[in-house]
Amino acid sequence: MDDEKVKITFRMDEETNRMIKAVYQQDNCNSQNEFIEKAIRFYVSYITTDKNSEFLNPAIYHAIKAAIKESESRTATNLFRLAVEMGVTMNILAEGMDISIEHIQDLRGKCITTVKKQRGKYTFEDAMLDANE
């Protein structure tokens, strides 16, 4: 931050002045001036919303970040487990079926189209209806 300061004069009501005097030290500010400057920066950040973390309480901000990270980790772990189970299932089917690579590629393309059309909501019943067409 630039050390060069600009002196300005402004007026505030007595209640606002009392509020500043009562809390500026709780915010680890050395002066009321520092507190007012921090308050202005906070409010400008709040209005522009470019720096969301500046107007969130740091404890809340870090708690939210930790919760998101934990959720991502659980999701990644569950996706890995699901991929392993799908791999086992596919290997069991591949050992017992006599299907050409071309047929599998055609089926994959058909499934991609169907799943996209149904926005990811593809059920076993949908697959049965597709197989009977």
C-alpha atoms as a PDB file:
ATOM      1  CA  MET A   1       0.000   0.000   0.000  1.00  0.00           C
ATOM      2  CA  ASP A   2       1.304   3.473  -0.873  1.00  0.00           C
ATOM      3  CA  ASP A   3       2.532   5.383   2.213  1.00  0.00           C
ATOM      4  CA  GLU A   4       1.596   8.738   0.701  1.00  0.00           C
ATOM      5  CA  LYS A   5      -1.592   9.967   2.361  1.00  0.00           C
ATOM      6  CA  VAL A   6      -4.098  12.546   1.206  1.00  0.00           C
ATOM      7  CA  LYS A   7      -5.722  14.723   3.815  1.00  0.00           C
ATOM      8  CA  ILE A   8      -9.479  15.203   3.423  1.00  0.00           C
ATOM      9  CA  THR A   9     -12.092  16.716   5.666  1.00  0.00           C
ATOM     10  CA  PHE A  10     -15.571  15.312   6.102  1.00  0.00           C
ATOM     11  CA  ARG A  11     -18.345  15.494   8.639  1.00  0.00           C
ATOM     12  CA  MET A  12     -20.230  12.710  10.339  1.00  0.00           C
ATOM     13  CA  ASP A  13     -22.983  12.618  12.909  1.00  0.00           C
ATOM     14  CA  GLU A  14     -22.152  12.137  16.589  1.00  0.00           C
ATOM     15  CA  GLU A  15     -23.616   8.593  16.704  1.00  0.00           C
ATOM     16  CA  THR A  16     -21.289   7.414  13.900  1.00  0.00           C
ATOM     17  CA  ASN A  17     -18.348   9.021  15.684  1.00  0.00           C
ATOM     18  CA  ARG A  18     -19.270   7.200  18.927  1.00  0.00           C
ATOM     19  CA  MET A  19     -19.517   3.906  17.046  1.00  0.00           C
ATOM     20  CA  ILE A  20     -16.032   4.365  15.566  1.00  0.00           C
ATOM     21  CA  LYS A  21     -14.518   5.281  18.937  1.00  0.00           C
ATOM     22  CA  ALA A  22     -16.147   2.241  20.540  1.00  0.00           C
ATOM     23  CA  VAL A  23     -14.860  -0.364  18.080  1.00  0.00           C
ATOM     24  CA  TYR A  24     -11.793   0.771  16.166  1.00  0.00           C
ATOM     25  CA  GLN A  25      -9.381  -0.937  18.581  1.00  0.00           C
ATOM     26  CA  GLN A  26     -11.343  -4.206  18.431  1.00  0.00           C
ATOM     27  CA  ASP A  27     -10.413  -4.317  14.726  1.00  0.00           C
ATOM     28  CA  ASN A  28      -6.707  -3.991  15.626  1.00  0.00           C
ATOM     29  CA  CYS A  29      -6.591  -0.468  14.226  1.00  0.00           C
ATOM     30  CA  ASN A  30      -4.072   1.965  15.692  1.00  0.00           C
ATOM     31  CA  SER A  31      -6.247   4.968  14.936  1.00  0.00           C
ATOM     32  CA  GLN A  32      -9.771   5.965  14.023  1.00  0.00           C
ATOM     33  CA  ASN A  33      -8.373   7.124  10.691  1.00  0.00           C
ATOM     34  CA  GLU A  34      -7.091   3.599   9.960  1.00  0.00           C
ATOM     35  CA  PHE A  35     -10.478   2.178  10.913  1.00  0.00           C
ATOM     36  CA  ILE A  36     -12.330   4.584   8.604  1.00  0.00           C
ATOM     37  CA  GLU A  37      -9.947   3.777   5.741  1.00  0.00           C
ATOM     38  CA  LYS A  38     -10.506   0.043   6.253  1.00  0.00           C
ATOM     39  CA  ALA A  39     -14.256   0.609   6.388  1.00  0.00           C
ATOM     40  CA  ILE A  40     -14.185   2.511   3.108  1.00  0.00           C
ATOM     41  CA  ARG A  41     -12.101  -0.219   1.421  1.00  0.00           C
ATOM     42  CA  PHE A  42     -14.495  -2.843   2.747  1.00  0.00           C
ATOM     43  CA  TYR A  43     -17.530  -0.977   1.458  1.00  0.00           C
ATOM     44  CA  VAL A  44     -15.989  -0.350  -1.965  1.00  0.00           C
ATOM     45  CA  SER A  45     -15.103  -4.068  -2.217  1.00  0.00           C
ATOM     46  CA  TYR A  46     -18.625  -4.943  -1.164  1.00  0.00           C
ATOM     47  CA  ILE A  47     -20.135  -2.721  -3.841  1.00  0.00           C
ATOM     48  CA  THR A  48     -17.842  -3.893  -6.628  1.00  0.00           C
ATOM     49  CA  THR A  49     -17.919  -7.543  -5.407  1.00  0.00           C
ATOM     50  CA  ASP A  50     -14.567  -8.168  -7.074  1.00  0.00           C
ATOM     51  CA  LYS A  51     -13.018  -9.213  -3.778  1.00  0.00           C
ATOM     52  CA  ASN A  52     -15.705 -11.290  -2.080  1.00  0.00           C
ATOM     53  CA  SER A  53     -13.317 -12.569   0.574  1.00  0.00           C
ATOM     54  CA  GLU A  54     -12.658  -9.040   1.854  1.00  0.00           C
ATOM     55  CA  PHE A  55     -16.178  -8.553   3.161  1.00  0.00           C
ATOM     56  CA  LEU A  56     -16.703 -12.088   4.416  1.00  0.00           C
ATOM     57  CA  ASN A  57     -15.622 -12.746   7.947  1.00  0.00           C
ATOM     58  CA  PRO A  58     -12.276 -14.573   7.537  1.00  0.00           C
ATOM     59  CA  ALA A  59     -13.412 -17.427   9.784  1.00  0.00           C
ATOM     60  CA  ILE A  60     -16.555 -17.935   7.704  1.00  0.00           C
ATOM     61  CA  TYR A  61     -14.571 -17.632   4.465  1.00  0.00           C
ATOM     62  CA  HIS A  62     -12.087 -20.327   5.566  1.00  0.00           C
ATOM     63  CA  ALA A  63     -14.870 -22.568   6.876  1.00  0.00           C
ATOM     64  CA  ILE A  64     -16.674 -22.357   3.530  1.00  0.00           C
ATOM     65  CA  LYS A  65     -13.444 -23.088   1.646  1.00  0.00           C
ATOM     66  CA  ALA A  66     -12.754 -26.104   3.887  1.00  0.00           C
ATOM     67  CA  ALA A  67     -16.297 -27.430   3.437  1.00  0.00           C
ATOM     68  CA  ILE A  68     -16.026 -27.124  -0.337  1.00  0.00           C
ATOM     69  CA  LYS A  69     -12.636 -28.853  -0.346  1.00  0.00           C
ATOM     70  CA  GLU A  70     -13.998 -31.691   1.809  1.00  0.00           C
ATOM     71  CA  SER A  71     -17.015 -32.048  -0.466  1.00  0.00           C
ATOM     72  CA  GLU A  72     -14.769 -32.163  -3.543  1.00  0.00           C
ATOM     73  CA  SER A  73     -12.626 -34.805  -1.885  1.00  0.00           C
ATOM     74  CA  ARG A  74     -15.646 -36.973  -1.007  1.00  0.00           C
ATOM     75  CA  THR A  75     -17.019 -36.601  -4.526  1.00  0.00           C
ATOM     76  CA  ALA A  76     -13.671 -37.558  -6.088  1.00  0.00           C
ATOM     77  CA  THR A  77     -13.382 -40.592  -3.789  1.00  0.00           C
ATOM     78  CA  ASN A  78     -16.914 -41.740  -4.619  1.00  0.00           C
ATOM     79  CA  LEU A  79     -16.340 -41.265  -8.347  1.00  0.00           C
ATOM     80  CA  PHE A  80     -13.169 -43.344  -8.082  1.00  0.00           C
ATOM     81  CA  ARG A  81     -15.036 -46.138  -6.271  1.00  0.00           C
ATOM     82  CA  LEU A  82     -17.804 -46.017  -8.864  1.00  0.00           C
ATOM     83  CA  ALA A  83     -15.253 -46.168 -11.710  1.00  0.00           C
ATOM     84  CA  VAL A  84     -13.609 -49.233 -10.122  1.00  0.00           C
ATOM     85  CA  GLU A  85     -16.978 -51.004  -9.777  1.00  0.00           C
ATOM     86  CA  MET A  86     -17.876 -50.109 -13.365  1.00  0.00           C
ATOM     87  CA  GLY A  87     -14.486 -51.481 -14.471  1.00  0.00           C
ATOM     88  CA  VAL A  88     -15.144 -54.765 -12.662  1.00  0.00           C
ATOM     89  CA  THR A  89     -18.629 -55.007 -14.201  1.00  0.00           C
ATOM     90  CA  MET A  90     -17.349 -54.254 -17.705  1.00  0.00           C
ATOM     91  CA  ASN A  91     -14.580 -56.844 -17.397  1.00  0.00           C
ATOM     92  CA  ILE A  92     -17.048 -59.510 -16.252  1.00  0.00           C
ATOM     93  CA  LEU A  93     -19.336 -58.699 -19.198  1.00  0.00           C
ATOM     94  CA  ALA A  94     -16.431 -58.577 -21.662  1.00  0.00           C
ATOM     95  CA  GLU A  95     -15.290 -62.058 -20.627  1.00  0.00           C
ATOM     96  CA  GLY A  96     -18.728 -63.567 -21.180  1.00  0.00           C
ATOM     97  CA  MET A  97     -19.907 -61.727 -24.297  1.00  0.00           C
ATOM     98  CA  ASP A  98     -18.975 -61.961 -27.946  1.00  0.00           C
ATOM     99  CA  ILE A  99     -19.539 -58.401 -29.162  1.00  0.00           C
ATOM    100  CA  SER A 100     -17.530 -56.634 -31.865  1.00  0.00           C
ATOM    101  CA  ILE A 101     -15.649 -53.405 -31.193  1.00  0.00           C
ATOM    102  CA  GLU A 102     -17.714 -51.711 -33.934  1.00  0.00           C
ATOM    103  CA  HIS A 103     -20.976 -52.633 -32.177  1.00  0.00           C
ATOM    104  CA  ILE A 104     -19.641 -51.248 -28.872  1.00  0.00           C
ATOM    105  CA  GLN A 105     -18.614 -47.986 -30.571  1.00  0.00           C
ATOM    106  CA  ASP A 106     -22.058 -47.654 -32.199  1.00  0.00           C
ATOM    107  CA  LEU A 107     -23.748 -48.365 -28.858  1.00  0.00           C
ATOM    108  CA  ARG A 108     -21.548 -45.773 -27.103  1.00  0.00           C
ATOM    109  CA  GLY A 109     -22.501 -43.099 -29.656  1.00  0.00           C
ATOM    110  CA  LYS A 110     -26.194 -43.960 -29.278  1.00  0.00           C
ATOM    111  CA  CYS A 111     -25.904 -43.783 -25.468  1.00  0.00           C
ATOM    112  CA  ILE A 112     -24.128 -40.418 -25.588  1.00  0.00           C
ATOM    113  CA  THR A 113     -26.917 -39.002 -27.750  1.00  0.00           C
ATOM    114  CA  THR A 114     -29.644 -40.415 -25.492  1.00  0.00           C
ATOM    115  CA  VAL A 115     -28.037 -39.257 -22.235  1.00  0.00           C
ATOM    116  CA  LYS A 116     -27.492 -35.744 -23.648  1.00  0.00           C
ATOM    117  CA  LYS A 117     -31.101 -35.611 -24.811  1.00  0.00           C
ATOM    118  CA  GLN A 118     -32.326 -36.683 -21.371  1.00  0.00           C
ATOM    119  CA  ARG A 119     -29.831 -34.388 -19.583  1.00  0.00           C
ATOM    120  CA  GLY A 120     -28.071 -37.200 -17.752  1.00  0.00           C
ATOM    121  CA  LYS A 121     -31.236 -38.854 -16.449  1.00  0.00           C
ATOM    122  CA  TYR A 122     -30.909 -42.245 -18.123  1.00  0.00           C
ATOM    123  CA  THR A 123     -32.437 -45.225 -16.356  1.00  0.00           C
ATOM    124  CA  PHE A 124     -32.307 -48.966 -16.863  1.00  0.00           C
ATOM    125  CA  GLU A 125     -35.881 -48.770 -18.168  1.00  0.00           C
ATOM    126  CA  ASP A 126     -34.725 -46.244 -20.785  1.00  0.00           C
ATOM    127  CA  ALA A 127     -31.995 -48.667 -21.867  1.00  0.00           C
ATOM    128  CA  MET A 128     -34.532 -51.497 -22.129  1.00  0.00           C
ATOM    129  CA  LEU A 129     -36.802 -49.348 -24.327  1.00  0.00           C
ATOM    130  CA  ASP A 130     -33.827 -48.387 -26.516  1.00  0.00           C
ATOM    131  CA  ALA A 131     -32.756 -52.041 -26.860  1.00  0.00           C
ATOM    132  CA  ASN A 132     -36.242 -53.054 -27.996  1.00  0.00           C
ATOM    133  CA  GLU A 133     -36.419 -50.406 -30.731  1.00  0.00           C
END
